[in-house]
Amino acid sequence: MVRTPKAGFYQLIGIPGIIILAVLFLVPLAVVLSEAFVSDQGTITFSRIIGLTTDPYIFKVLAFTLYQAAVSTVISIVIAIPGAYMLSSYNFTGKRLVSAICMIPFVLPSILVVLGFVIFYGNNGMINVFLMKIFRLEEPPLKILYSFKAIILAHAFYNFPLAIGIIASYWERLGTSLGHAAATLGAKRFTIFRTITLARLVPAIISAASLIFLFCFSSFAIMLVLGGGPQFTTMEVEIYRRARVMLDTGGAAALSLISIAVAIILVAIYSWTQRVLARQEEVSISDRSSSRHKRPIRSIWVKLANLGYILLMIVFVLGPLASIIVRSFQASETRTGAYT
């Protein structure tokens, strides 16, 4: 292969970027992680990593981290699939607004999400105050904060837009010839969805799930604030506790290596699903003539289902954000509705 001057020029341009990346990121990261292999006496040792991998407490923390990430991922995907179907299949008034609302959580700082959840879902939060006034209750009916439910809800809020984007973008490019053939042979809609559509969506779902799992696995602010107790400690929180509270930077570095290993596995899974999706795109080129055409909603039941989903999404997404805005104008003495 002949190397052109233009290719060599672009390679030279990339060298300063690589040097800056190495100096500002790779070298400091390597220095920090190297402490995992240095004993208190300054000698090279693997005792920290071996001790952590055999520590029942660390095993419990890792198990809970994986568990909460898995549950958060499943809930995020379940919430996203109806929205992905709606956006990829129908044209309706306000579709662009729905798409914009879906993307709001993904661009928010995690600490802002936590603040919104505390103000909106807290025992004295806006939704509980509203329900207590409507139904004349003395106790808040929704006790969500500082629990496993709060963690899952916040992660779902933060990550379901990502799942909608990935799944919907692939779903709308799926050909419909297989579904039409199955319908001609008498297959019901749910059977077609389960055996054909869902099967073809599996790589896109796995792709979205791997990214969401990675984000939930490495979640910090949500776990630290909404967890509310040591029983909800994750790897990131434990790394923070060892480095900040216990001043055990070596132990924190060793735990970081474990987290990095999990992250590498998840990135590999995501890369694999992207290759699978690319191959499916090449195979389905001949089916593009029968690709999905977005149609207007005619069925009253579909309209009601879409309207219900949109209303729930508006409350779920905009509720915590609106509560921050409203609370910022309330008098700090009462927080009961007096504005200032």
Protein backbone atom coordinates (compact mmCIF):
# COMPACT_ATOMS: atom_id res chain seq x y z
CA MET A 1 0.00 0.00 0.00
CA VAL A 2 1.44 3.37 -1.10
CA ARG A 3 1.51 5.99 1.59
CA THR A 4 0.30 9.35 0.26
CA PRO A 5 1.66 12.69 1.52
CA LYS A 6 -1.87 13.66 2.55
CA ALA A 7 -2.20 10.60 4.81
CA GLY A 8 1.17 11.35 6.39
CA PHE A 9 0.11 14.95 7.01
CA TYR A 10 -3.04 13.86 8.88
CA GLN A 11 -0.98 11.44 10.97
CA LEU A 12 1.40 14.26 11.95
CA ILE A 13 -1.54 16.45 12.97
CA GLY A 14 -2.77 13.71 15.31
CA ILE A 15 0.54 13.42 17.18
CA PRO A 16 0.09 16.58 19.34
CA GLY A 17 -3.38 15.39 20.32
CA ILE A 18 -2.00 12.02 21.39
CA ILE A 19 0.74 13.71 23.43
CA ILE A 20 -1.77 16.02 25.17
CA LEU A 21 -4.04 13.04 25.93
CA ALA A 22 -1.13 11.10 27.38
CA VAL A 23 0.12 13.99 29.53
CA LEU A 24 -3.25 15.16 30.85
CA PHE A 25 -5.05 11.83 31.19
CA LEU A 26 -3.11 8.61 30.65
CA VAL A 27 -0.03 9.46 32.73
CA PRO A 28 -1.98 10.75 35.79
CA LEU A 29 -4.32 7.75 35.54
CA ALA A 30 -1.37 5.35 35.41
CA VAL A 31 0.26 7.04 38.41
CA VAL A 32 -2.93 6.77 40.48
CA LEU A 33 -3.63 3.16 39.50
CA SER A 34 -0.03 2.16 40.17
CA GLU A 35 -0.68 2.70 43.87
CA ALA A 36 -2.72 -0.50 43.81
CA PHE A 37 0.56 -2.39 43.38
CA VAL A 38 2.61 -0.50 45.98
CA SER A 39 2.63 -1.55 49.63
CA ASP A 40 2.82 0.83 52.59
CA GLN A 41 6.57 0.12 52.70
CA GLY A 42 6.99 1.15 49.05
CA THR A 43 7.53 -2.36 47.62
CA ILE A 44 5.74 -3.90 44.66
CA THR A 45 2.94 -6.20 45.78
CA PHE A 46 -0.31 -7.76 44.61
CA SER A 47 -1.62 -8.17 48.14
CA ARG A 48 -4.07 -5.27 47.85
CA ILE A 49 -5.83 -6.69 44.81
CA ILE A 50 -5.77 -10.25 46.15
CA GLY A 51 -7.11 -9.07 49.49
CA LEU A 52 -9.95 -7.13 47.89
CA THR A 53 -10.97 -9.93 45.53
CA THR A 54 -11.22 -12.32 48.49
CA ASP A 55 -12.92 -9.84 50.85
CA PRO A 56 -16.59 -10.84 51.46
CA TYR A 57 -17.55 -7.19 51.95
CA ILE A 58 -16.10 -6.13 48.59
CA PHE A 59 -17.78 -9.12 46.95
CA LYS A 60 -21.08 -7.97 48.45
CA VAL A 61 -20.52 -4.41 47.22
CA LEU A 62 -19.67 -5.64 43.73
CA ALA A 63 -22.70 -7.95 43.69
CA PHE A 64 -25.03 -5.11 44.68
CA THR A 65 -23.45 -2.80 42.10
CA LEU A 66 -24.08 -5.35 39.36
CA TYR A 67 -27.59 -6.05 40.66
CA GLN A 68 -28.75 -2.42 40.80
CA ALA A 69 -27.22 -1.76 37.38
CA ALA A 70 -29.05 -4.78 35.92
CA VAL A 71 -32.41 -3.78 37.42
CA SER A 72 -31.95 -0.16 36.33
CA THR A 73 -31.10 -1.31 32.82
CA VAL A 74 -34.16 -3.57 32.54
CA ILE A 75 -36.50 -0.83 33.80
CA SER A 76 -34.96 1.72 31.43
CA ILE A 77 -35.40 -0.61 28.44
CA VAL A 78 -39.00 -1.47 29.42
CA ILE A 79 -39.87 2.24 29.67
CA ALA A 80 -38.11 3.00 26.38
CA ILE A 81 -39.62 0.31 24.10
CA PRO A 82 -43.15 1.85 23.89
CA GLY A 83 -41.63 5.26 23.21
CA ALA A 84 -39.29 3.83 20.58
CA TYR A 85 -42.24 2.13 18.87
CA MET A 86 -44.30 5.33 18.97
CA LEU A 87 -41.53 7.51 17.53
CA SER A 88 -40.49 5.01 14.85
CA SER A 89 -43.98 4.07 13.64
CA TYR A 90 -46.29 7.09 13.80
CA ASN A 91 -46.56 10.70 12.78
CA PHE A 92 -48.49 12.80 15.28
CA THR A 93 -48.79 16.37 16.48
CA GLY A 94 -46.08 17.23 18.98
CA LYS A 95 -43.72 14.46 17.92
CA ARG A 96 -40.71 16.78 17.86
CA LEU A 97 -41.62 18.08 21.30
CA VAL A 98 -41.79 14.51 22.63
CA SER A 99 -38.37 13.76 21.12
CA ALA A 100 -36.95 16.91 22.72
CA ILE A 101 -38.43 16.04 26.13
CA CYS A 102 -36.95 12.55 25.85
CA MET A 103 -33.47 13.99 25.46
CA ILE A 104 -33.65 16.39 28.43
CA PRO A 105 -32.55 13.92 31.16
CA PHE A 106 -29.55 12.70 29.19
CA VAL A 107 -27.96 16.16 29.07
CA LEU A 108 -28.58 17.07 32.72
CA PRO A 109 -25.85 16.95 35.39
CA SER A 110 -26.46 14.05 37.75
CA ILE A 111 -26.51 16.32 40.81
CA LEU A 112 -29.36 18.31 39.21
CA VAL A 113 -31.30 15.07 38.71
CA VAL A 114 -30.76 14.21 42.38
CA LEU A 115 -31.94 17.66 43.47
CA GLY A 116 -35.04 17.40 41.31
CA PHE A 117 -35.90 13.99 42.72
CA VAL A 118 -35.50 15.19 46.31
CA ILE A 119 -37.77 18.19 45.72
CA PHE A 120 -40.37 16.29 43.67
CA TYR A 121 -40.49 12.83 45.31
CA GLY A 122 -39.41 13.68 48.86
CA ASN A 123 -41.65 13.16 51.88
CA ASN A 124 -42.31 16.90 51.79
CA GLY A 125 -41.90 17.02 48.04
CA MET A 126 -44.37 18.52 45.64
CA ILE A 127 -46.05 15.32 44.55
CA ASN A 128 -46.60 14.18 48.16
CA VAL A 129 -47.88 17.62 49.21
CA PHE A 130 -50.28 17.57 46.27
CA LEU A 131 -51.59 14.07 47.06
CA MET A 132 -51.94 14.86 50.78
CA LYS A 133 -54.03 17.94 50.01
CA ILE A 134 -56.21 16.18 47.44
CA PHE A 135 -56.94 13.08 49.53
CA ARG A 136 -56.66 14.78 52.96
CA LEU A 137 -53.84 12.50 54.11
CA GLU A 138 -51.73 13.04 57.21
CA GLU A 139 -48.75 10.99 56.03
CA PRO A 140 -46.98 11.21 52.66
CA PRO A 141 -48.27 8.34 50.48
CA LEU A 142 -45.11 8.02 48.39
CA LYS A 143 -42.02 7.21 50.43
CA ILE A 144 -39.45 6.77 47.68
CA LEU A 145 -36.31 8.66 48.63
CA TYR A 146 -33.26 7.05 50.24
CA SER A 147 -34.26 3.58 49.11
CA PHE A 148 -33.57 1.08 46.35
CA LYS A 149 -36.68 2.37 44.54
CA ALA A 150 -35.22 5.87 44.40
CA ILE A 151 -31.99 4.57 42.89
CA ILE A 152 -33.79 2.61 40.17
CA LEU A 153 -36.19 5.46 39.42
CA ALA A 154 -33.38 8.00 39.08
CA HIS A 155 -31.33 5.71 36.86
CA ALA A 156 -34.36 5.01 34.66
CA PHE A 157 -35.04 8.76 34.43
CA TYR A 158 -31.44 9.36 33.43
CA ASN A 159 -31.01 6.56 30.90
CA PHE A 160 -34.31 5.71 29.18
CA PRO A 161 -33.81 8.52 26.58
CA LEU A 162 -30.60 6.81 25.48
CA ALA A 163 -32.50 3.54 24.97
CA ILE A 164 -35.27 5.31 23.04
CA GLY A 165 -32.73 6.93 20.72
CA ILE A 166 -30.81 3.74 19.93
CA ILE A 167 -33.82 1.43 19.59
CA ALA A 168 -36.04 3.88 17.66
CA SER A 169 -33.31 4.77 15.15
CA TYR A 170 -32.84 1.09 14.31
CA TRP A 171 -36.53 0.16 14.54
CA GLU A 172 -37.58 2.69 11.90
CA ARG A 173 -35.10 1.17 9.43
CA LEU A 174 -36.40 -2.38 9.81
CA GLY A 175 -38.08 -3.82 6.72
CA THR A 176 -41.68 -4.96 7.01
CA SER A 177 -41.78 -7.72 4.39
CA LEU A 178 -41.31 -10.53 6.95
CA GLY A 179 -44.10 -9.15 9.11
CA HIS A 180 -46.43 -8.80 6.13
CA ALA A 181 -45.68 -12.37 5.06
CA ALA A 182 -46.42 -13.67 8.56
CA ALA A 183 -49.68 -11.68 8.68
CA THR A 184 -50.68 -13.15 5.33
CA LEU A 185 -50.19 -16.62 6.81
CA GLY A 186 -52.51 -15.75 9.70
CA ALA A 187 -50.07 -14.72 12.43
CA LYS A 188 -51.40 -12.32 15.04
CA ARG A 189 -49.78 -8.94 15.70
CA PHE A 190 -48.32 -9.94 19.05
CA THR A 191 -46.88 -13.13 17.55
CA ILE A 192 -45.30 -11.10 14.74
CA PHE A 193 -43.85 -8.66 17.26
CA ARG A 194 -42.51 -11.41 19.52
CA THR A 195 -41.06 -13.73 16.88
CA ILE A 196 -39.95 -11.31 14.15
CA THR A 197 -39.72 -7.67 15.25
CA LEU A 198 -38.38 -8.25 18.75
CA ALA A 199 -35.92 -10.87 17.52
CA ARG A 200 -34.51 -8.42 14.98
CA LEU A 201 -34.35 -5.68 17.62
CA VAL A 202 -32.29 -7.79 20.04
CA PRO A 203 -28.88 -6.39 18.90
CA ALA A 204 -30.16 -2.81 19.26
CA ILE A 205 -31.61 -3.60 22.70
CA ILE A 206 -28.34 -5.22 23.81
CA SER A 207 -26.42 -2.22 22.47
CA ALA A 208 -28.56 0.20 24.49
CA ALA A 209 -28.52 -2.08 27.54
CA SER A 210 -24.72 -2.37 27.58
CA LEU A 211 -24.30 1.42 27.62
CA ILE A 212 -27.01 1.92 30.25
CA PHE A 213 -25.52 -0.85 32.40
CA LEU A 214 -22.13 0.87 32.18
CA PHE A 215 -23.59 4.23 33.22
CA CYS A 216 -25.53 2.67 36.11
CA PHE A 217 -22.53 0.61 37.21
CA SER A 218 -20.37 3.74 37.42
CA SER A 219 -23.10 5.98 38.89
CA PHE A 220 -21.87 8.02 41.85
CA ALA A 221 -23.94 11.09 42.77
CA ILE A 222 -27.26 9.25 42.54
CA MET A 223 -25.98 6.38 44.70
CA LEU A 224 -24.32 8.66 47.24
CA VAL A 225 -27.33 10.94 47.81
CA LEU A 226 -30.38 8.77 47.09
CA GLY A 227 -28.97 5.51 48.49
CA GLY A 228 -29.35 6.68 52.04
CA GLY A 229 -27.32 4.00 53.77
CA PRO A 230 -24.37 1.59 53.71
CA GLN A 231 -26.61 -1.23 52.46
CA PHE A 232 -26.70 0.59 49.10
CA THR A 233 -22.95 1.07 48.75
CA THR A 234 -21.62 0.53 45.22
CA MET A 235 -18.10 0.27 43.85
CA GLU A 236 -17.92 4.00 43.06
CA VAL A 237 -19.14 4.98 46.52
CA GLU A 238 -16.69 2.54 48.13
CA ILE A 239 -13.83 3.98 46.07
CA TYR A 240 -14.80 7.46 47.27
CA ARG A 241 -15.06 6.27 50.89
CA ARG A 242 -11.63 4.65 50.84
CA ALA A 243 -9.92 7.59 49.17
CA ARG A 244 -11.72 10.43 50.97
CA VAL A 245 -12.66 9.04 54.38
CA MET A 246 -10.16 6.25 55.04
CA LEU A 247 -7.33 7.95 53.07
CA ASP A 248 -6.54 4.53 51.59
CA THR A 249 -5.55 5.59 48.08
CA GLY A 250 -3.99 2.21 47.36
CA GLY A 251 -7.21 0.38 48.17
CA ALA A 252 -9.19 2.90 46.13
CA ALA A 253 -6.85 2.36 43.19
CA ALA A 254 -7.24 -1.42 43.45
CA LEU A 255 -11.03 -1.09 43.46
CA SER A 256 -10.76 1.23 40.47
CA LEU A 257 -8.95 -1.50 38.54
CA ILE A 258 -11.89 -3.84 39.15
CA SER A 259 -14.33 -1.18 37.93
CA ILE A 260 -12.20 -0.52 34.86
CA ALA A 261 -12.16 -4.24 34.04
CA VAL A 262 -15.97 -4.35 34.15
CA ALA A 263 -16.15 -1.20 32.01
CA ILE A 264 -13.84 -2.72 29.39
CA ILE A 265 -16.05 -5.82 29.18
CA LEU A 266 -19.17 -3.67 28.71
CA VAL A 267 -17.49 -1.54 26.04
CA ALA A 268 -16.47 -4.74 24.24
CA ILE A 269 -20.09 -5.95 24.32
CA TYR A 270 -21.27 -2.61 22.94
CA SER A 271 -18.68 -2.73 20.14
CA TRP A 272 -19.75 -6.28 19.28
CA THR A 273 -23.42 -5.27 19.05
CA GLN A 274 -22.48 -2.36 16.79
CA ARG A 275 -20.74 -4.76 14.42
CA VAL A 276 -23.78 -7.06 14.48
CA LEU A 277 -26.07 -4.13 13.69
CA ALA A 278 -23.80 -3.07 10.83
CA ARG A 279 -23.93 -6.58 9.35
CA GLN A 280 -27.71 -6.64 9.69
CA GLU A 281 -27.87 -3.30 7.91
CA GLU A 282 -25.91 -4.77 4.99
CA VAL A 283 -28.10 -7.87 4.85
CA SER A 284 -31.33 -5.88 4.97
CA ILE A 285 -30.44 -3.50 2.12
CA SER A 286 -32.60 -5.56 -0.24
CA ASP A 287 -35.51 -5.11 2.17
CA ARG A 288 -35.28 -1.30 2.22
CA SER A 289 -38.13 -1.02 -0.31
CA SER A 290 -40.44 -2.33 2.42
CA SER A 291 -38.99 -0.19 5.22
CA ARG A 292 -41.34 1.18 7.85
CA HIS A 293 -43.43 4.14 6.74
CA LYS A 294 -44.52 6.39 9.57
CA ARG A 295 -48.29 6.64 9.48
CA PRO A 296 -50.88 8.81 11.21
CA ILE A 297 -52.66 7.38 14.24
CA ARG A 298 -56.20 6.29 13.35
CA SER A 299 -57.18 3.83 16.08
CA ILE A 300 -58.73 5.49 19.13
CA TRP A 301 -57.07 2.90 21.39
CA VAL A 302 -53.65 3.65 19.94
CA LYS A 303 -54.31 7.36 20.39
CA LEU A 304 -55.26 6.84 24.03
CA ALA A 305 -52.22 4.61 24.64
CA ASN A 306 -49.88 7.17 23.07
CA LEU A 307 -51.52 10.01 24.99
CA GLY A 308 -51.18 8.11 28.26
CA TYR A 309 -47.51 7.36 27.58
CA ILE A 310 -46.82 11.00 26.71
CA LEU A 311 -48.56 12.28 29.85
CA LEU A 312 -46.67 9.85 32.08
CA MET A 313 -43.40 10.81 30.40
CA ILE A 314 -44.12 14.52 30.88
CA VAL A 315 -44.77 13.99 34.60
CA PHE A 316 -41.79 11.66 34.96
CA VAL A 317 -39.34 13.90 33.08
CA LEU A 318 -40.59 17.45 33.57
CA GLY A 319 -41.93 17.00 37.11
CA PRO A 320 -38.53 16.97 38.88
CA LEU A 321 -37.20 19.76 36.65
CA ALA A 322 -40.26 21.97 37.11
CA SER A 323 -40.09 21.41 40.87
CA ILE A 324 -36.57 22.89 40.94
CA ILE A 325 -37.78 26.01 39.13
CA VAL A 326 -40.84 26.38 41.37
CA ARG A 327 -38.86 25.80 44.57
CA SER A 328 -36.30 28.43 43.57
CA PHE A 329 -39.03 31.10 43.75
CA GLN A 330 -40.56 29.96 47.04
CA ALA A 331 -39.78 31.70 50.31
CA SER A 332 -37.18 29.76 52.27
CA GLU A 333 -39.02 30.22 55.57
CA THR A 334 -42.10 28.22 54.65
CA ARG A 335 -41.68 26.38 51.35
CA THR A 336 -45.46 26.04 51.44
CA GLY A 337 -46.40 28.16 48.47
CA ALA A 338 -45.32 31.70 49.36
CA TYR A 339 -43.30 33.08 46.46
CA THR A 340 -40.62 35.69 46.57
